[in-house]
Amino acid sequence: MGSKTKSVLITGGTGSFGKTMLRKLLEAGVPELRILSRDEEKQDALRNELRDDRVRYYIGDIRDLQSVDRAMAGVECVFHAAALKQVPSCEFFPLEAVRTNIIGSENVVRSAVSNSVKSLVCLSTDKAVFPVNAMGISKAMMEKVAQAAARDLGRDAKTTISCVRYGNVMYSRGSVIPLFIKQIKTGQPITITEPTMTRFLMPLRDSVALVQYAFEHANQGDLFIKKAAASTILDLVEAIKSLFDVPDHPTEIIGWRHAEKLYETLASSQELSNSEDMGDYFRIRLDHRDLNYKSYFSEGDTKAVTYEDYHSHNTERLDINGVKTLLLSLPQVQAELELWKNK
C-alpha cells in the first residue's frame, strides 16, 4: 500500500493499532487519511503531535450509521479497528459490546458497501475462537457479520471484505506489559493471574503488517491469521524482571479474572481444514454456500478434519531469553529501560 491508494479510513484510529497504521501510511505517501473515533481529546492530541494536513479527523461513533457514512464518503480503503476490547468491561456491560462490536461493525460494513469502498479489513481477536466471554462472543459475531456480507456480495463485487485475527499485541494500551513495568517502577508486586497461562505475543508492527497483507491479498470473505509465538505469563514476568535487573521483585498470584482461558486459540481445526498456508500467515477461505438447506442438512462435508486447533499451548513456545529478545525489539520497552537506568 502506498501513494497509489488515494484515501484510507481508520475506525478507532486514535488507538494503539490506528496510530501505528496511520504513521505507516503517512510514510508511504497516502494523500488522504481519515480517523473516525469518539474521543475528541485523543484526536486533539494526535492532531497536535502529527501536524499533518493529510489527516482528517471525524468525531463520531460507529454505532451511528450517519457518523460512519459521513467519514466513509469517497474513501477507497477502510481498516475497521474500533471496538470494545477489555474483557472485564464487556463481561459487566455485554450489551455495550453488542452495540459497538456487532451492530457498529454492521454499520461499517453496510457503509463500506454503499459507498463502493474497494477494500474493508475488519480486525478481530483470538478470543473470537471458542469464545467464553462477552468480548470474544461479540468479536466472533463481528466476523460472522463481515462474512455474511461478503457472501452476499460475491466474488466480483466492487467491495472486498476480509478479516484478520491476532492475539495479544505487546505493549498496546491496557495490556499487561506496561502494567508489569509500572508495578516494578512503583515498587508494587507484579500481579499474575495464573502462571501457566499462555498467550500469543505479537509486536504491534506484526499486526499492522497482517492488516496490510490482508488488504493486498484478500479474496472476498477471506480471514487471515498471523502465525505467532507464545509464552507463559510466568516466563513473561521473569523476562521483564531480568531486563529491569530486579530478579527479586515480588510477585502476587491474584487468580483468574472474569472469563479467562488457560490458552487462546487463533484457528480451529475445522477452519484450518479450509485454509491455505501462506508461510507467515494462514488464509481461511469463506464458505460460499448460500442459504440452500440441502448443502447444510442433506449433504454434509465429506472431508475429514485432520488438523489440530492452532493455539498458544501448541505454537512455538518462547523461553525467558526468547521473550527478552522480543521485548527488546519494542521501542516502548527500550524507552522504559533507558528511563529506568537513568533514574
C-alpha atoms as a PDB file:
ATOM      1  CA  MET A   1       0.000   0.000   0.000  1.00  0.00           C
ATOM      2  CA  GLY A   2       1.426   3.364  -0.980  1.00  0.00           C
ATOM      3  CA  SER A   3       0.675   6.635  -2.704  1.00  0.00           C
ATOM      4  CA  LYS A   4      -1.454   4.810  -5.318  1.00  0.00           C
ATOM      5  CA  THR A   5      -4.064   4.389  -2.583  1.00  0.00           C
ATOM      6  CA  LYS A   6      -5.868   7.729  -2.593  1.00  0.00           C
ATOM      7  CA  SER A   7      -7.776   7.703   0.700  1.00  0.00           C
ATOM      8  CA  VAL A   8      -7.962   5.481   3.790  1.00  0.00           C
ATOM      9  CA  LEU A   9     -10.334   5.499   6.757  1.00  0.00           C
ATOM     10  CA  ILE A  10      -9.315   4.003  10.107  1.00  0.00           C
ATOM     11  CA  THR A  11     -12.137   3.497  12.582  1.00  0.00           C
ATOM     12  CA  GLY A  12     -10.868   3.715  16.144  1.00  0.00           C
ATOM     13  CA  GLY A  13      -7.857   5.470  14.677  1.00  0.00           C
ATOM     14  CA  THR A  14      -6.583   7.003  17.933  1.00  0.00           C
ATOM     15  CA  GLY A  15      -5.918   3.560  19.453  1.00  0.00           C
ATOM     16  CA  SER A  16      -2.590   1.722  19.502  1.00  0.00           C
ATOM     17  CA  PHE A  17      -3.147  -0.006  16.165  1.00  0.00           C
ATOM     18  CA  GLY A  18      -4.718   3.024  14.498  1.00  0.00           C
ATOM     19  CA  LYS A  19      -1.875   5.396  15.335  1.00  0.00           C
ATOM     20  CA  THR A  20       0.782   2.927  14.181  1.00  0.00           C
ATOM     21  CA  MET A  21      -1.039   2.226  10.921  1.00  0.00           C
ATOM     22  CA  LEU A  22      -1.625   5.944  10.410  1.00  0.00           C
ATOM     23  CA  ARG A  23       2.089   6.749  10.670  1.00  0.00           C
ATOM     24  CA  LYS A  24       2.987   3.917   8.318  1.00  0.00           C
ATOM     25  CA  LEU A  25       0.505   5.143   5.712  1.00  0.00           C
ATOM     26  CA  LEU A  26       1.778   8.702   6.030  1.00  0.00           C
ATOM     27  CA  GLU A  27       5.323   7.460   5.455  1.00  0.00           C
ATOM     28  CA  ALA A  28       4.081   5.545   2.395  1.00  0.00           C
ATOM     29  CA  GLY A  29       2.711   8.766   0.915  1.00  0.00           C
ATOM     30  CA  VAL A  30      -1.051   8.115   1.053  1.00  0.00           C
ATOM     31  CA  PRO A  31      -2.530  11.553   0.232  1.00  0.00           C
ATOM     32  CA  GLU A  32      -5.627  11.447   2.469  1.00  0.00           C
ATOM     33  CA  LEU A  33      -6.172   9.634   5.768  1.00  0.00           C
ATOM     34  CA  ARG A  34      -9.284   9.803   7.908  1.00  0.00           C
ATOM     35  CA  ILE A  35      -9.768   8.974  11.561  1.00  0.00           C
ATOM     36  CA  LEU A  36     -13.205   8.152  12.961  1.00  0.00           C
ATOM     37  CA  SER A  37     -13.435   7.937  16.756  1.00  0.00           C
ATOM     38  CA  ARG A  38     -15.413   9.226  19.724  1.00  0.00           C
ATOM     39  CA  ASP A  39     -12.663  10.770  21.858  1.00  0.00           C
ATOM     40  CA  GLU A  40     -12.027  14.406  20.954  1.00  0.00           C
ATOM     41  CA  GLU A  41      -9.170  14.683  23.470  1.00  0.00           C
ATOM     42  CA  LYS A  42      -7.233  11.844  21.849  1.00  0.00           C
ATOM     43  CA  GLN A  43      -7.928  13.282  18.413  1.00  0.00           C
ATOM     44  CA  ASP A  44      -6.665  16.690  19.511  1.00  0.00           C
ATOM     45  CA  ALA A  45      -3.508  15.162  20.999  1.00  0.00           C
ATOM     46  CA  LEU A  46      -2.850  13.233  17.797  1.00  0.00           C
ATOM     47  CA  ARG A  47      -3.528  16.308  15.656  1.00  0.00           C
ATOM     48  CA  ASN A  48      -1.026  18.367  17.657  1.00  0.00           C
ATOM     49  CA  GLU A  49       1.512  15.554  17.581  1.00  0.00           C
ATOM     50  CA  LEU A  50       1.358  14.899  13.839  1.00  0.00           C
ATOM     51  CA  ARG A  51       0.566  18.355  12.431  1.00  0.00           C
ATOM     52  CA  ASP A  52      -0.057  16.806   9.030  1.00  0.00           C
ATOM     53  CA  ASP A  53      -2.759  18.236   6.764  1.00  0.00           C
ATOM     54  CA  ARG A  54      -3.251  14.878   5.054  1.00  0.00           C
ATOM     55  CA  VAL A  55      -5.050  13.584   8.160  1.00  0.00           C
ATOM     56  CA  ARG A  56      -8.715  14.480   8.644  1.00  0.00           C
ATOM     57  CA  TYR A  57     -10.439  13.856  11.965  1.00  0.00           C
ATOM     58  CA  TYR A  58     -14.077  12.822  12.282  1.00  0.00           C
ATOM     59  CA  ILE A  59     -15.819  12.807  15.653  1.00  0.00           C
ATOM     60  CA  GLY A  60     -18.449  10.095  15.625  1.00  0.00           C
ATOM     61  CA  ASP A  61     -19.468   6.672  16.836  1.00  0.00           C
ATOM     62  CA  ILE A  62     -19.684   3.533  14.693  1.00  0.00           C
ATOM     63  CA  ARG A  63     -22.990   2.835  16.480  1.00  0.00           C
ATOM     64  CA  ASP A  64     -24.424   5.713  14.430  1.00  0.00           C
ATOM     65  CA  LEU A  65     -24.672   4.928  10.714  1.00  0.00           C
ATOM     66  CA  GLN A  66     -24.773   8.615   9.762  1.00  0.00           C
ATOM     67  CA  SER A  67     -21.449   9.183  11.541  1.00  0.00           C
ATOM     68  CA  VAL A  68     -19.928   6.307   9.620  1.00  0.00           C
ATOM     69  CA  ASP A  69     -21.374   7.418   6.270  1.00  0.00           C
ATOM     70  CA  ARG A  70     -20.019  10.941   6.743  1.00  0.00           C
ATOM     71  CA  ALA A  71     -16.489   9.646   7.286  1.00  0.00           C
ATOM     72  CA  MET A  72     -16.775   6.923   4.637  1.00  0.00           C
ATOM     73  CA  ALA A  73     -17.867   9.010   1.634  1.00  0.00           C
ATOM     74  CA  GLY A  74     -15.256   8.873  -1.110  1.00  0.00           C
ATOM     75  CA  VAL A  75     -12.892   6.532   0.744  1.00  0.00           C
ATOM     76  CA  GLU A  76     -11.016   3.794  -1.119  1.00  0.00           C
ATOM     77  CA  CYS A  77      -9.903   1.575   1.768  1.00  0.00           C
ATOM     78  CA  VAL A  78     -11.123   1.038   5.348  1.00  0.00           C
ATOM     79  CA  PHE A  79      -9.410  -0.530   8.350  1.00  0.00           C
ATOM     80  CA  HIS A  80     -12.037  -1.254  10.979  1.00  0.00           C
ATOM     81  CA  ALA A  81     -10.326  -1.209  14.390  1.00  0.00           C
ATOM     82  CA  ALA A  82     -12.971   0.489  16.564  1.00  0.00           C
ATOM     83  CA  ALA A  83     -14.152  -1.902  19.280  1.00  0.00           C
ATOM     84  CA  LEU A  84     -14.693  -2.518  22.948  1.00  0.00           C
ATOM     85  CA  LYS A  85     -11.700  -4.721  23.761  1.00  0.00           C
ATOM     86  CA  GLN A  86     -11.441  -5.100  27.536  1.00  0.00           C
ATOM     87  CA  VAL A  87     -12.702  -8.499  28.708  1.00  0.00           C
ATOM     88  CA  PRO A  88     -13.936  -7.385  32.167  1.00  0.00           C
ATOM     89  CA  SER A  89     -15.751  -4.326  30.790  1.00  0.00           C
ATOM     90  CA  CYS A  90     -17.611  -6.429  28.258  1.00  0.00           C
ATOM     91  CA  GLU A  91     -18.479  -9.012  30.927  1.00  0.00           C
ATOM     92  CA  PHE A  92     -20.199  -6.401  33.063  1.00  0.00           C
ATOM     93  CA  PHE A  93     -21.729  -4.493  30.138  1.00  0.00           C
ATOM     94  CA  PRO A  94     -22.350  -7.132  27.455  1.00  0.00           C
ATOM     95  CA  LEU A  95     -24.984  -5.115  25.596  1.00  0.00           C
ATOM     96  CA  GLU A  96     -22.436  -2.348  25.114  1.00  0.00           C
ATOM     97  CA  ALA A  97     -20.181  -4.923  23.432  1.00  0.00           C
ATOM     98  CA  VAL A  98     -23.112  -5.921  21.225  1.00  0.00           C
ATOM     99  CA  ARG A  99     -23.845  -2.309  20.271  1.00  0.00           C
ATOM    100  CA  THR A 100     -20.247  -1.472  19.376  1.00  0.00           C
ATOM    101  CA  ASN A 101     -18.637  -4.723  18.221  1.00  0.00           C
ATOM    102  CA  ILE A 102     -21.617  -6.214  16.369  1.00  0.00           C
ATOM    103  CA  ILE A 103     -24.112  -3.502  15.437  1.00  0.00           C
ATOM    104  CA  GLY A 104     -21.381  -0.892  14.996  1.00  0.00           C
ATOM    105  CA  SER A 105     -19.442  -3.262  12.764  1.00  0.00           C
ATOM    106  CA  GLU A 106     -22.585  -3.905  10.731  1.00  0.00           C
ATOM    107  CA  ASN A 107     -22.804  -0.133  10.188  1.00  0.00           C
ATOM    108  CA  VAL A 108     -19.195  -0.053   8.977  1.00  0.00           C
ATOM    109  CA  VAL A 109     -19.796  -2.973   6.607  1.00  0.00           C
ATOM    110  CA  ARG A 110     -23.054  -1.504   5.274  1.00  0.00           C
ATOM    111  CA  SER A 111     -21.499   1.924   4.757  1.00  0.00           C
ATOM    112  CA  ALA A 112     -18.432   0.498   3.002  1.00  0.00           C
ATOM    113  CA  VAL A 113     -20.627  -1.400   0.543  1.00  0.00           C
ATOM    114  CA  SER A 114     -22.993   1.509  -0.135  1.00  0.00           C
ATOM    115  CA  ASN A 115     -20.029   3.842  -0.691  1.00  0.00           C
ATOM    116  CA  SER A 116     -18.296   1.363  -3.062  1.00  0.00           C
ATOM    117  CA  VAL A 117     -15.169   1.131  -0.932  1.00  0.00           C
ATOM    118  CA  LYS A 118     -12.540  -1.004  -2.638  1.00  0.00           C
ATOM    119  CA  SER A 119     -11.398  -2.946   0.433  1.00  0.00           C
ATOM    120  CA  LEU A 120     -12.649  -3.285   4.017  1.00  0.00           C
ATOM    121  CA  VAL A 121     -10.437  -5.110   6.528  1.00  0.00           C
ATOM    122  CA  CYS A 122     -12.048  -5.901   9.900  1.00  0.00           C
ATOM    123  CA  LEU A 123      -9.814  -6.531  12.908  1.00  0.00           C
ATOM    124  CA  SER A 124     -10.665  -9.468  15.149  1.00  0.00           C
ATOM    125  CA  THR A 125      -9.046 -11.369  18.016  1.00  0.00           C
ATOM    126  CA  ASP A 126      -8.056 -14.855  19.126  1.00  0.00           C
ATOM    127  CA  LYS A 127     -10.769 -14.549  21.781  1.00  0.00           C
ATOM    128  CA  ALA A 128     -13.339 -14.940  18.982  1.00  0.00           C
ATOM    129  CA  VAL A 129     -12.418 -18.627  18.627  1.00  0.00           C
ATOM    130  CA  PHE A 130     -14.337 -20.869  21.048  1.00  0.00           C
ATOM    131  CA  PRO A 131     -15.365 -17.702  22.916  1.00  0.00           C
ATOM    132  CA  VAL A 132     -16.075 -17.891  26.640  1.00  0.00           C
ATOM    133  CA  ASN A 133     -16.542 -14.178  27.332  1.00  0.00           C
ATOM    134  CA  ALA A 134     -18.719 -11.379  26.001  1.00  0.00           C
ATOM    135  CA  MET A 135     -15.855  -9.641  24.243  1.00  0.00           C
ATOM    136  CA  GLY A 136     -14.888 -12.794  22.352  1.00  0.00           C
ATOM    137  CA  ILE A 137     -18.505 -13.623  21.531  1.00  0.00           C
ATOM    138  CA  SER A 138     -19.115 -10.129  20.167  1.00  0.00           C
ATOM    139  CA  LYS A 139     -15.965 -10.250  18.014  1.00  0.00           C
ATOM    140  CA  ALA A 140     -16.939 -13.699  16.730  1.00  0.00           C
ATOM    141  CA  MET A 141     -20.264 -12.208  15.694  1.00  0.00           C
ATOM    142  CA  MET A 142     -18.423  -9.307  14.061  1.00  0.00           C
ATOM    143  CA  GLU A 143     -16.600 -11.854  11.907  1.00  0.00           C
ATOM    144  CA  LYS A 144     -19.914 -13.510  11.004  1.00  0.00           C
ATOM    145  CA  VAL A 145     -21.439 -10.129  10.066  1.00  0.00           C
ATOM    146  CA  ALA A 146     -18.488  -9.385   7.762  1.00  0.00           C
ATOM    147  CA  GLN A 147     -18.516 -12.866   6.231  1.00  0.00           C
ATOM    148  CA  ALA A 148     -22.272 -12.824   5.632  1.00  0.00           C
ATOM    149  CA  ALA A 149     -21.931  -9.532   3.782  1.00  0.00           C
ATOM    150  CA  ALA A 150     -19.022 -10.919   1.751  1.00  0.00           C
ATOM    151  CA  ARG A 151     -21.085 -13.984   0.859  1.00  0.00           C
ATOM    152  CA  ASP A 152     -23.977 -11.810  -0.279  1.00  0.00           C
ATOM    153  CA  LEU A 153     -21.712  -9.593  -2.370  1.00  0.00           C
ATOM    154  CA  GLY A 154     -19.984 -12.427  -4.197  1.00  0.00           C
ATOM    155  CA  ARG A 155     -16.535 -12.634  -5.690  1.00  0.00           C
ATOM    156  CA  ASP A 156     -16.971  -9.982  -8.399  1.00  0.00           C
ATOM    157  CA  ALA A 157     -18.287  -7.150  -6.218  1.00  0.00           C
ATOM    158  CA  LYS A 158     -16.719  -3.694  -6.122  1.00  0.00           C
ATOM    159  CA  THR A 159     -16.037  -4.095  -2.388  1.00  0.00           C
ATOM    160  CA  THR A 160     -13.837  -6.852  -0.956  1.00  0.00           C
ATOM    161  CA  ILE A 161     -14.476  -7.615   2.714  1.00  0.00           C
ATOM    162  CA  SER A 162     -11.905  -9.520   4.753  1.00  0.00           C
ATOM    163  CA  CYS A 163     -10.999 -10.091   8.387  1.00  0.00           C
ATOM    164  CA  VAL A 164      -7.779 -10.551  10.299  1.00  0.00           C
ATOM    165  CA  ARG A 165      -7.400 -12.299  13.614  1.00  0.00           C
ATOM    166  CA  TYR A 166      -4.480 -11.952  16.004  1.00  0.00           C
ATOM    167  CA  GLY A 167      -3.559 -12.449  19.635  1.00  0.00           C
ATOM    168  CA  ASN A 168      -2.257 -10.094  22.310  1.00  0.00           C
ATOM    169  CA  VAL A 169      -0.498  -7.049  20.889  1.00  0.00           C
ATOM    170  CA  MET A 170       2.553  -6.355  23.013  1.00  0.00           C
ATOM    171  CA  TYR A 171       2.549  -3.014  24.835  1.00  0.00           C
ATOM    172  CA  SER A 172      -0.838  -1.985  23.478  1.00  0.00           C
ATOM    173  CA  ARG A 173      -2.971   0.228  25.698  1.00  0.00           C
ATOM    174  CA  GLY A 174      -4.403  -1.751  28.615  1.00  0.00           C
ATOM    175  CA  SER A 175      -2.148  -4.779  28.091  1.00  0.00           C
ATOM    176  CA  VAL A 176      -0.105  -6.484  30.807  1.00  0.00           C
ATOM    177  CA  ILE A 177       3.431  -5.497  29.765  1.00  0.00           C
ATOM    178  CA  PRO A 178       3.096  -1.767  30.595  1.00  0.00           C
ATOM    179  CA  LEU A 179       1.231  -2.793  33.767  1.00  0.00           C
ATOM    180  CA  PHE A 180       4.070  -5.085  34.882  1.00  0.00           C
ATOM    181  CA  ILE A 181       6.670  -2.384  34.141  1.00  0.00           C
ATOM    182  CA  LYS A 182       4.641   0.198  36.084  1.00  0.00           C
ATOM    183  CA  GLN A 183       4.413  -2.191  39.042  1.00  0.00           C
ATOM    184  CA  ILE A 184       8.194  -2.617  39.024  1.00  0.00           C
ATOM    185  CA  LYS A 185       8.799   1.135  38.838  1.00  0.00           C
ATOM    186  CA  THR A 186       6.351   1.933  41.641  1.00  0.00           C
ATOM    187  CA  GLY A 187       7.553  -0.865  43.900  1.00  0.00           C
ATOM    188  CA  GLN A 188       4.274  -2.785  43.790  1.00  0.00           C
ATOM    189  CA  PRO A 189       4.141  -6.574  43.485  1.00  0.00           C
ATOM    190  CA  ILE A 190       3.687  -7.849  39.936  1.00  0.00           C
ATOM    191  CA  THR A 191       0.169  -9.294  39.777  1.00  0.00           C
ATOM    192  CA  ILE A 192      -0.155 -12.629  37.981  1.00  0.00           C
ATOM    193  CA  THR A 193      -3.473 -14.325  37.346  1.00  0.00           C
ATOM    194  CA  GLU A 194      -2.270 -17.871  36.543  1.00  0.00           C
ATOM    195  CA  PRO A 195       1.477 -18.557  35.976  1.00  0.00           C
ATOM    196  CA  THR A 196       0.968 -21.414  33.482  1.00  0.00           C
ATOM    197  CA  MET A 197      -1.446 -19.433  31.311  1.00  0.00           C
ATOM    198  CA  THR A 198      -0.088 -18.953  27.775  1.00  0.00           C
ATOM    199  CA  ARG A 199      -0.705 -16.084  25.403  1.00  0.00           C
ATOM    200  CA  PHE A 200       0.376 -15.292  21.851  1.00  0.00           C
ATOM    201  CA  LEU A 201       2.926 -12.461  21.745  1.00  0.00           C
ATOM    202  CA  MET A 202       2.755 -10.172  18.739  1.00  0.00           C
ATOM    203  CA  PRO A 203       4.532  -6.842  18.328  1.00  0.00           C
ATOM    204  CA  LEU A 204       2.292  -4.072  17.046  1.00  0.00           C
ATOM    205  CA  ARG A 205       4.321  -3.928  13.834  1.00  0.00           C
ATOM    206  CA  ASP A 206       3.237  -7.506  13.050  1.00  0.00           C
ATOM    207  CA  SER A 207      -0.449  -6.697  13.461  1.00  0.00           C
ATOM    208  CA  VAL A 208      -0.043  -3.745  11.068  1.00  0.00           C
ATOM    209  CA  ALA A 209       1.783  -5.996   8.582  1.00  0.00           C
ATOM    210  CA  LEU A 210      -1.035  -8.554   8.851  1.00  0.00           C
ATOM    211  CA  VAL A 211      -3.676  -5.944   8.039  1.00  0.00           C
ATOM    212  CA  GLN A 212      -1.656  -4.683   5.084  1.00  0.00           C
ATOM    213  CA  TYR A 213      -1.241  -8.248   3.868  1.00  0.00           C
ATOM    214  CA  ALA A 214      -4.997  -8.764   4.001  1.00  0.00           C
ATOM    215  CA  PHE A 215      -5.567  -5.550   2.035  1.00  0.00           C
ATOM    216  CA  GLU A 216      -3.154  -6.649  -0.669  1.00  0.00           C
ATOM    217  CA  HIS A 217      -4.087 -10.351  -0.937  1.00  0.00           C
ATOM    218  CA  ALA A 218      -7.682 -10.829   0.190  1.00  0.00           C
ATOM    219  CA  ASN A 219     -10.303 -12.582  -1.855  1.00  0.00           C
ATOM    220  CA  GLN A 220     -13.923 -11.980  -0.912  1.00  0.00           C
ATOM    221  CA  GLY A 221     -14.546 -13.098   2.680  1.00  0.00           C
ATOM    222  CA  ASP A 222     -11.018 -14.277   3.498  1.00  0.00           C
ATOM    223  CA  LEU A 223      -9.836 -14.360   7.101  1.00  0.00           C
ATOM    224  CA  PHE A 224      -6.079 -14.022   7.664  1.00  0.00           C
ATOM    225  CA  ILE A 225      -4.156 -15.175  10.724  1.00  0.00           C
ATOM    226  CA  LYS A 226      -0.550 -14.322  11.557  1.00  0.00           C
ATOM    227  CA  LYS A 227       1.412 -17.227  12.955  1.00  0.00           C
ATOM    228  CA  ALA A 228       2.848 -16.133  16.289  1.00  0.00           C
ATOM    229  CA  ALA A 229       4.953 -17.413  19.151  1.00  0.00           C
ATOM    230  CA  ALA A 230       3.667 -17.602  22.715  1.00  0.00           C
ATOM    231  CA  SER A 231       4.925 -17.762  26.272  1.00  0.00           C
ATOM    232  CA  THR A 232       3.618 -18.475  29.715  1.00  0.00           C
ATOM    233  CA  ILE A 233       2.689 -15.485  31.855  1.00  0.00           C
ATOM    234  CA  LEU A 234       5.358 -16.524  34.355  1.00  0.00           C
ATOM    235  CA  ASP A 235       8.112 -16.516  31.703  1.00  0.00           C
ATOM    236  CA  LEU A 236       6.905 -13.097  30.510  1.00  0.00           C
ATOM    237  CA  VAL A 237       7.184 -11.760  34.069  1.00  0.00           C
ATOM    238  CA  GLU A 238      10.613 -13.311  34.575  1.00  0.00           C
ATOM    239  CA  ALA A 239      11.827 -11.820  31.289  1.00  0.00           C
ATOM    240  CA  ILE A 240      10.681  -8.338  32.317  1.00  0.00           C
ATOM    241  CA  LYS A 241      12.255  -8.690  35.770  1.00  0.00           C
ATOM    242  CA  SER A 242      15.523  -9.766  34.138  1.00  0.00           C
ATOM    243  CA  LEU A 243      15.556  -6.826  31.716  1.00  0.00           C
ATOM    244  CA  PHE A 244      14.998  -4.369  34.565  1.00  0.00           C
ATOM    245  CA  ASP A 245      17.551  -6.221  36.703  1.00  0.00           C
ATOM    246  CA  VAL A 246      15.128  -6.812  39.595  1.00  0.00           C
ATOM    247  CA  PRO A 247      15.218 -10.613  39.926  1.00  0.00           C
ATOM    248  CA  ASP A 248      13.832 -10.490  43.471  1.00  0.00           C
ATOM    249  CA  HIS A 249      10.915  -8.163  42.745  1.00  0.00           C
ATOM    250  CA  PRO A 250       7.850  -9.703  44.455  1.00  0.00           C
ATOM    251  CA  THR A 251       5.004 -11.282  42.521  1.00  0.00           C
ATOM    252  CA  GLU A 252       1.469 -11.910  43.675  1.00  0.00           C
ATOM    253  CA  ILE A 253      -0.861 -14.527  42.212  1.00  0.00           C
ATOM    254  CA  ILE A 254      -4.316 -12.938  42.234  1.00  0.00           C
ATOM    255  CA  GLY A 255      -6.299 -15.692  40.487  1.00  0.00           C
ATOM    256  CA  TRP A 256      -8.267 -15.833  37.266  1.00  0.00           C
ATOM    257  CA  ARG A 257     -10.134 -12.798  36.004  1.00  0.00           C
ATOM    258  CA  HIS A 258     -13.655 -12.976  34.649  1.00  0.00           C
ATOM    259  CA  ALA A 259     -13.961 -15.429  31.746  1.00  0.00           C
ATOM    260  CA  GLU A 260     -10.263 -16.002  31.094  1.00  0.00           C
ATOM    261  CA  LYS A 261      -8.853 -19.065  29.332  1.00  0.00           C
ATOM    262  CA  LEU A 262      -5.742 -21.092  30.106  1.00  0.00           C
ATOM    263  CA  TYR A 263      -4.725 -20.628  26.474  1.00  0.00           C
ATOM    264  CA  GLU A 264      -6.067 -18.754  23.447  1.00  0.00           C
ATOM    265  CA  THR A 265      -6.857 -20.243  20.027  1.00  0.00           C
ATOM    266  CA  LEU A 266      -6.183 -18.437  16.755  1.00  0.00           C
ATOM    267  CA  ALA A 267      -7.766 -21.022  14.443  1.00  0.00           C
ATOM    268  CA  SER A 268      -9.939 -24.072  14.979  1.00  0.00           C
ATOM    269  CA  SER A 269      -9.213 -27.407  13.326  1.00  0.00           C
ATOM    270  CA  GLN A 270     -12.342 -27.011  11.211  1.00  0.00           C
ATOM    271  CA  GLU A 271     -11.182 -23.607   9.959  1.00  0.00           C
ATOM    272  CA  LEU A 272      -7.732 -24.956   9.167  1.00  0.00           C
ATOM    273  CA  SER A 273      -9.284 -27.721   7.060  1.00  0.00           C
ATOM    274  CA  ASN A 274     -10.434 -24.932   4.717  1.00  0.00           C
ATOM    275  CA  SER A 275      -7.251 -22.883   4.868  1.00  0.00           C
ATOM    276  CA  GLU A 276      -4.173 -22.114   2.811  1.00  0.00           C
ATOM    277  CA  ASP A 277      -0.753 -21.962   4.451  1.00  0.00           C
ATOM    278  CA  MET A 278       0.915 -18.824   3.111  1.00  0.00           C
ATOM    279  CA  GLY A 279       4.144 -19.019   5.081  1.00  0.00           C
ATOM    280  CA  ASP A 280       3.815 -16.416   7.819  1.00  0.00           C
ATOM    281  CA  TYR A 281       0.029 -16.432   7.515  1.00  0.00           C
ATOM    282  CA  PHE A 282      -2.977 -18.708   7.247  1.00  0.00           C
ATOM    283  CA  ARG A 283      -5.686 -17.744   4.775  1.00  0.00           C
ATOM    284  CA  ILE A 284      -9.049 -19.170   5.885  1.00  0.00           C
ATOM    285  CA  ARG A 285     -11.388 -19.206   2.921  1.00  0.00           C
ATOM    286  CA  LEU A 286     -15.008 -18.143   3.094  1.00  0.00           C
ATOM    287  CA  ASP A 287     -17.639 -20.861   2.976  1.00  0.00           C
ATOM    288  CA  HIS A 288     -19.528 -19.722  -0.140  1.00  0.00           C
ATOM    289  CA  ARG A 289     -22.554 -21.993   0.295  1.00  0.00           C
ATOM    290  CA  ASP A 290     -25.755 -19.985   0.126  1.00  0.00           C
ATOM    291  CA  LEU A 291     -28.948 -20.488   2.094  1.00  0.00           C
ATOM    292  CA  ASN A 292     -29.621 -23.857   0.485  1.00  0.00           C
ATOM    293  CA  TYR A 293     -30.760 -26.328   3.093  1.00  0.00           C
ATOM    294  CA  LYS A 294     -29.597 -29.295   1.055  1.00  0.00           C
ATOM    295  CA  SER A 295     -25.987 -28.139   1.350  1.00  0.00           C
ATOM    296  CA  TYR A 296     -26.293 -27.834   5.108  1.00  0.00           C
ATOM    297  CA  PHE A 297     -28.542 -30.721   6.096  1.00  0.00           C
ATOM    298  CA  SER A 298     -28.771 -33.293   3.309  1.00  0.00           C
ATOM    299  CA  GLU A 299     -25.182 -33.128   2.109  1.00  0.00           C
ATOM    300  CA  GLY A 300     -22.518 -32.848   4.769  1.00  0.00           C
ATOM    301  CA  ASP A 301     -18.853 -32.066   4.259  1.00  0.00           C
ATOM    302  CA  THR A 302     -17.121 -35.343   3.409  1.00  0.00           C
ATOM    303  CA  LYS A 303     -13.634 -34.024   4.209  1.00  0.00           C
ATOM    304  CA  ALA A 304     -12.309 -35.372   7.489  1.00  0.00           C
ATOM    305  CA  VAL A 305     -10.878 -32.869   9.931  1.00  0.00           C
ATOM    306  CA  THR A 306      -7.226 -33.881  10.345  1.00  0.00           C
ATOM    307  CA  TYR A 307      -5.850 -30.648  11.814  1.00  0.00           C
ATOM    308  CA  GLU A 308      -5.280 -29.628  15.392  1.00  0.00           C
ATOM    309  CA  ASP A 309      -6.604 -26.344  16.708  1.00  0.00           C
ATOM    310  CA  TYR A 310      -3.851 -23.719  16.472  1.00  0.00           C
ATOM    311  CA  HIS A 311      -3.476 -22.257  19.963  1.00  0.00           C
ATOM    312  CA  SER A 312      -0.981 -20.703  22.364  1.00  0.00           C
ATOM    313  CA  HIS A 313      -0.228 -24.048  24.036  1.00  0.00           C
ATOM    314  CA  ASN A 314       0.912 -25.781  20.829  1.00  0.00           C
ATOM    315  CA  THR A 315       2.511 -22.940  18.870  1.00  0.00           C
ATOM    316  CA  GLU A 316       6.209 -22.056  19.135  1.00  0.00           C
ATOM    317  CA  ARG A 317       6.898 -21.571  22.851  1.00  0.00           C
ATOM    318  CA  LEU A 318       9.419 -18.857  23.738  1.00  0.00           C
ATOM    319  CA  ASP A 319      11.652 -19.334  26.759  1.00  0.00           C
ATOM    320  CA  ILE A 320      12.696 -16.434  29.006  1.00  0.00           C
ATOM    321  CA  ASN A 321      15.576 -15.415  26.724  1.00  0.00           C
ATOM    322  CA  GLY A 322      13.311 -15.567  23.681  1.00  0.00           C
ATOM    323  CA  VAL A 323      10.777 -13.305  25.383  1.00  0.00           C
ATOM    324  CA  LYS A 324      13.539 -10.878  26.374  1.00  0.00           C
ATOM    325  CA  THR A 325      14.716 -10.656  22.758  1.00  0.00           C
ATOM    326  CA  LEU A 326      11.176  -9.936  21.601  1.00  0.00           C
ATOM    327  CA  LEU A 327      10.647  -7.339  24.338  1.00  0.00           C
ATOM    328  CA  LEU A 328      13.892  -5.568  23.409  1.00  0.00           C
ATOM    329  CA  SER A 329      12.597  -5.163  19.850  1.00  0.00           C
ATOM    330  CA  LEU A 330       9.819  -2.882  21.158  1.00  0.00           C
ATOM    331  CA  PRO A 331      10.679   0.841  21.164  1.00  0.00           C
ATOM    332  CA  GLN A 332       8.430   1.418  24.202  1.00  0.00           C
ATOM    333  CA  VAL A 333      10.344  -1.142  26.274  1.00  0.00           C
ATOM    334  CA  GLN A 334      13.664   0.336  25.170  1.00  0.00           C
ATOM    335  CA  ALA A 335      12.452   3.775  26.278  1.00  0.00           C
ATOM    336  CA  GLU A 336      11.279   2.417  29.644  1.00  0.00           C
ATOM    337  CA  LEU A 337      14.637   0.719  30.201  1.00  0.00           C
ATOM    338  CA  GLU A 338      16.514   3.916  29.379  1.00  0.00           C
ATOM    339  CA  LEU A 339      14.461   5.855  31.905  1.00  0.00           C
ATOM    340  CA  TRP A 340      14.978   3.129  34.479  1.00  0.00           C
ATOM    341  CA  LYS A 341      18.764   3.141  34.022  1.00  0.00           C
ATOM    342  CA  ASN A 342      18.925   6.932  34.288  1.00  0.00           C
ATOM    343  CA  LYS A 343      16.626   7.329  37.287  1.00  0.00           C
END
